[in-house]
Amino acid sequence: MTHGRSLARPAVGEPAPDIELAGATGQRWRLADQLGSTVVLIFHRHIH
């Protein structure tokens, strides 16, 4: 599981790595907990 580390990009058709993130309301969110569901992740760089 990663916590803010950089990951190599998986190839098309390969499983995504297990990641854990803070949701919009601060709750912890883990990709592995969504097994069997359709998930869309949108990443952006936060610029201060």
PDB file of N, CA and C in Angstrom:
ATOM      1  N   MET A   1       0.851  -1.173   0.000  1.00  0.00           N
ATOM      2  CA  MET A   1       0.000   0.000   0.000  1.00  0.00           C
ATOM      3  C   MET A   1       0.895   1.233   0.000  1.00  0.00           C
ATOM      4  N   THR A   2       0.493   2.271  -0.688  1.00  0.00           N
ATOM      5  CA  THR A   2       1.308   3.476  -0.760  1.00  0.00           C
ATOM      6  C   THR A   2       0.648   4.609   0.006  1.00  0.00           C
ATOM      7  N   HIS A   3       1.450   5.488   0.473  1.00  0.00           N
ATOM      8  CA  HIS A   3       0.961   6.664   1.199  1.00  0.00           C
ATOM      9  C   HIS A   3       1.716   7.880   0.688  1.00  0.00           C
ATOM     10  N   GLY A   4       1.297   8.416  -0.484  1.00  0.00           N
ATOM     11  CA  GLY A   4       1.912   9.607  -1.011  1.00  0.00           C
ATOM     12  C   GLY A   4       3.192   9.378  -1.791  1.00  0.00           C
ATOM     13  N   ARG A   5       3.565   8.134  -2.044  1.00  0.00           N
ATOM     14  CA  ARG A   5       4.763   7.867  -2.830  1.00  0.00           C
ATOM     15  C   ARG A   5       4.412   7.818  -4.302  1.00  0.00           C
ATOM     16  N   SER A   6       5.409   8.074  -5.136  1.00  0.00           N
ATOM     17  CA  SER A   6       5.225   8.014  -6.575  1.00  0.00           C
ATOM     18  C   SER A   6       5.148   6.556  -7.022  1.00  0.00           C
ATOM     19  N   LEU A   7       4.251   6.260  -7.954  1.00  0.00           N
ATOM     20  CA  LEU A   7       4.083   4.905  -8.468  1.00  0.00           C
ATOM     21  C   LEU A   7       4.371   4.879  -9.954  1.00  0.00           C
ATOM     22  N   ALA A   8       4.885   3.748 -10.426  1.00  0.00           N
ATOM     23  CA  ALA A   8       5.020   3.560 -11.862  1.00  0.00           C
ATOM     24  C   ALA A   8       3.621   3.384 -12.440  1.00  0.00           C
ATOM     25  N   ARG A   9       3.420   3.842 -13.645  1.00  0.00           N
ATOM     26  CA  ARG A   9       2.109   3.742 -14.286  1.00  0.00           C
ATOM     27  C   ARG A   9       1.885   2.302 -14.747  1.00  0.00           C
ATOM     28  N   PRO A  10       0.788   1.650 -14.341  1.00  0.00           N
ATOM     29  CA  PRO A  10       0.518   0.289 -14.808  1.00  0.00           C
ATOM     30  C   PRO A  10       0.150   0.298 -16.286  1.00  0.00           C
ATOM     31  N   ALA A  11       0.471  -0.776 -16.968  1.00  0.00           N
ATOM     32  CA  ALA A  11       0.112  -0.907 -18.384  1.00  0.00           C
ATOM     33  C   ALA A  11      -1.392  -1.164 -18.493  1.00  0.00           C
ATOM     34  N   VAL A  12      -1.945  -0.837 -19.650  1.00  0.00           N
ATOM     35  CA  VAL A  12      -3.368  -1.071 -19.906  1.00  0.00           C
ATOM     36  C   VAL A  12      -3.656  -2.551 -19.692  1.00  0.00           C
ATOM     37  N   GLY A  13      -4.705  -2.857 -18.949  1.00  0.00           N
ATOM     38  CA  GLY A  13      -5.105  -4.231 -18.689  1.00  0.00           C
ATOM     39  C   GLY A  13      -4.494  -4.829 -17.436  1.00  0.00           C
ATOM     40  N   GLU A  14      -3.493  -4.170 -16.853  1.00  0.00           N
ATOM     41  CA  GLU A  14      -2.897  -4.651 -15.608  1.00  0.00           C
ATOM     42  C   GLU A  14      -3.686  -4.113 -14.423  1.00  0.00           C
ATOM     43  N   PRO A  15      -3.720  -4.858 -13.328  1.00  0.00           N
ATOM     44  CA  PRO A  15      -4.418  -4.363 -12.142  1.00  0.00           C
ATOM     45  C   PRO A  15      -3.759  -3.087 -11.604  1.00  0.00           C
ATOM     46  N   ALA A  16      -4.565  -2.209 -11.077  1.00  0.00           N
ATOM     47  CA  ALA A  16      -4.039  -0.993 -10.445  1.00  0.00           C
ATOM     48  C   ALA A  16      -3.404  -1.366  -9.106  1.00  0.00           C
ATOM     49  N   PRO A  17      -2.400  -0.613  -8.690  1.00  0.00           N
ATOM     50  CA  PRO A  17      -1.807  -0.873  -7.371  1.00  0.00           C
ATOM     51  C   PRO A  17      -2.793  -0.486  -6.275  1.00  0.00           C
ATOM     52  N   ASP A  18      -2.657  -1.115  -5.112  1.00  0.00           N
ATOM     53  CA  ASP A  18      -3.508  -0.759  -3.988  1.00  0.00           C
ATOM     54  C   ASP A  18      -3.040   0.588  -3.465  1.00  0.00           C
ATOM     55  N   ILE A  19      -3.932   1.555  -3.423  1.00  0.00           N
ATOM     56  CA  ILE A  19      -3.599   2.879  -2.913  1.00  0.00           C
ATOM     57  C   ILE A  19      -4.574   3.251  -1.812  1.00  0.00           C
ATOM     58  N   GLU A  20      -4.137   4.134  -0.942  1.00  0.00           N
ATOM     59  CA  GLU A  20      -4.990   4.651   0.122  1.00  0.00           C
ATOM     60  C   GLU A  20      -4.888   6.166   0.093  1.00  0.00           C
ATOM     61  N   LEU A  21      -6.039   6.825   0.119  1.00  0.00           N
ATOM     62  CA  LEU A  21      -6.102   8.275   0.013  1.00  0.00           C
ATOM     63  C   LEU A  21      -7.072   8.839   1.041  1.00  0.00           C
ATOM     64  N   ALA A  22      -6.960  10.134   1.277  1.00  0.00           N
ATOM     65  CA  ALA A  22      -7.958  10.824   2.087  1.00  0.00           C
ATOM     66  C   ALA A  22      -9.037  11.324   1.145  1.00  0.00           C
ATOM     67  N   GLY A  23     -10.290  11.030   1.457  1.00  0.00           N
ATOM     68  CA  GLY A  23     -11.406  11.498   0.649  1.00  0.00           C
ATOM     69  C   GLY A  23     -11.643  12.991   0.846  1.00  0.00           C
ATOM     70  N   ALA A  24     -12.605  13.530   0.115  1.00  0.00           N
ATOM     71  CA  ALA A  24     -12.906  14.961   0.162  1.00  0.00           C
ATOM     72  C   ALA A  24     -13.301  15.427   1.560  1.00  0.00           C
ATOM     73  N   THR A  25     -13.893  14.539   2.354  1.00  0.00           N
ATOM     74  CA  THR A  25     -14.300  14.911   3.716  1.00  0.00           C
ATOM     75  C   THR A  25     -13.300  14.446   4.773  1.00  0.00           C
ATOM     76  N   GLY A  26     -12.129  13.932   4.306  1.00  0.00           N
ATOM     77  CA  GLY A  26     -11.079  13.523   5.237  1.00  0.00           C
ATOM     78  C   GLY A  26     -11.070  12.046   5.597  1.00  0.00           C
ATOM     79  N   GLN A  27     -12.117  11.314   5.216  1.00  0.00           N
ATOM     80  CA  GLN A  27     -12.131   9.889   5.540  1.00  0.00           C
ATOM     81  C   GLN A  27     -11.078   9.154   4.707  1.00  0.00           C
ATOM     82  N   ARG A  28     -10.537   8.052   5.234  1.00  0.00           N
ATOM     83  CA  ARG A  28      -9.552   7.256   4.514  1.00  0.00           C
ATOM     84  C   ARG A  28     -10.276   6.412   3.475  1.00  0.00           C
ATOM     85  N   TRP A  29      -9.708   6.294   2.297  1.00  0.00           N
ATOM     86  CA  TRP A  29     -10.315   5.585   1.176  1.00  0.00           C
ATOM     87  C   TRP A  29      -9.266   4.662   0.594  1.00  0.00           C
ATOM     88  N   ARG A  30      -9.588   3.375   0.450  1.00  0.00           N
ATOM     89  CA  ARG A  30      -8.638   2.383  -0.042  1.00  0.00           C
ATOM     90  C   ARG A  30      -9.195   1.727  -1.296  1.00  0.00           C
ATOM     91  N   LEU A  31      -8.399   1.684  -2.353  1.00  0.00           N
ATOM     92  CA  LEU A  31      -8.841   1.119  -3.620  1.00  0.00           C
ATOM     93  C   LEU A  31      -9.258  -0.340  -3.468  1.00  0.00           C
ATOM     94  N   ALA A  32      -8.532  -1.116  -2.693  1.00  0.00           N
ATOM     95  CA  ALA A  32      -8.855  -2.532  -2.518  1.00  0.00           C
ATOM     96  C   ALA A  32     -10.249  -2.744  -1.928  1.00  0.00           C
ATOM     97  N   ASP A  33     -10.757  -1.779  -1.185  1.00  0.00           N
ATOM     98  CA  ASP A  33     -12.097  -1.895  -0.599  1.00  0.00           C
ATOM     99  C   ASP A  33     -13.203  -1.753  -1.649  1.00  0.00           C
ATOM    100  N   GLN A  34     -12.842  -1.325  -2.855  1.00  0.00           N
ATOM    101  CA  GLN A  34     -13.816  -1.104  -3.923  1.00  0.00           C
ATOM    102  C   GLN A  34     -13.877  -2.271  -4.910  1.00  0.00           C
ATOM    103  N   LEU A  35     -13.238  -3.392  -4.583  1.00  0.00           N
ATOM    104  CA  LEU A  35     -13.187  -4.549  -5.470  1.00  0.00           C
ATOM    105  C   LEU A  35     -14.593  -4.933  -5.934  1.00  0.00           C
ATOM    106  N   GLY A  36     -14.765  -5.085  -7.255  1.00  0.00           N
ATOM    107  CA  GLY A  36     -16.056  -5.432  -7.833  1.00  0.00           C
ATOM    108  C   GLY A  36     -16.874  -4.222  -8.255  1.00  0.00           C
ATOM    109  N   SER A  37     -16.405  -3.024  -7.917  1.00  0.00           N
ATOM    110  CA  SER A  37     -17.100  -1.785  -8.286  1.00  0.00           C
ATOM    111  C   SER A  37     -16.329  -1.068  -9.387  1.00  0.00           C
ATOM    112  N   THR A  38     -17.027  -0.264 -10.154  1.00  0.00           N
ATOM    113  CA  THR A  38     -16.366   0.596 -11.122  1.00  0.00           C
ATOM    114  C   THR A  38     -15.851   1.820 -10.389  1.00  0.00           C
ATOM    115  N   VAL A  39     -14.576   2.132 -10.573  1.00  0.00           N
ATOM    116  CA  VAL A  39     -13.948   3.254  -9.880  1.00  0.00           C
ATOM    117  C   VAL A  39     -13.269   4.148 -10.915  1.00  0.00           C
ATOM    118  N   VAL A  40     -13.489   5.448 -10.819  1.00  0.00           N
ATOM    119  CA  VAL A  40     -12.802   6.429 -11.662  1.00  0.00           C
ATOM    120  C   VAL A  40     -11.974   7.311 -10.738  1.00  0.00           C
ATOM    121  N   LEU A  41     -10.674   7.335 -10.948  1.00  0.00           N
ATOM    122  CA  LEU A  41      -9.787   8.168 -10.145  1.00  0.00           C
ATOM    123  C   LEU A  41      -9.316   9.336 -10.998  1.00  0.00           C
ATOM    124  N   ILE A  42      -9.370  10.522 -10.450  1.00  0.00           N
ATOM    125  CA  ILE A  42      -8.893  11.713 -11.131  1.00  0.00           C
ATOM    126  C   ILE A  42      -7.792  12.317 -10.265  1.00  0.00           C
ATOM    127  N   PHE A  43      -6.606  12.392 -10.833  1.00  0.00           N
ATOM    128  CA  PHE A  43      -5.459  12.944 -10.110  1.00  0.00           C
ATOM    129  C   PHE A  43      -5.110  14.303 -10.684  1.00  0.00           C
ATOM    130  N   HIS A  44      -4.745  15.210  -9.822  1.00  0.00           N
ATOM    131  CA  HIS A  44      -4.256  16.506 -10.263  1.00  0.00           C
ATOM    132  C   HIS A  44      -3.184  16.944  -9.287  1.00  0.00           C
ATOM    133  N   ARG A  45      -2.322  17.808  -9.763  1.00  0.00           N
ATOM    134  CA  ARG A  45      -1.267  18.334  -8.899  1.00  0.00           C
ATOM    135  C   ARG A  45      -1.811  19.554  -8.173  1.00  0.00           C
ATOM    136  N   HIS A  46      -1.646  19.536  -6.867  1.00  0.00           N
ATOM    137  CA  HIS A  46      -2.084  20.674  -6.069  1.00  0.00           C
ATOM    138  C   HIS A  46      -0.954  21.694  -6.057  1.00  0.00           C
ATOM    139  N   ILE A  47      -1.210  22.866  -6.539  1.00  0.00           N
ATOM    140  CA  ILE A  47      -0.200  23.909  -6.613  1.00  0.00           C
ATOM    141  C   ILE A  47      -0.523  24.969  -5.568  1.00  0.00           C
ATOM    142  N   HIS A  48       0.415  25.255  -4.731  1.00  0.00           N
ATOM    143  CA  HIS A  48       0.226  26.278  -3.674  1.00  0.00           C
ATOM    144  C   HIS A  48       0.546  27.632  -4.200  1.00  0.00           C
TER     145      HIS A  48
END
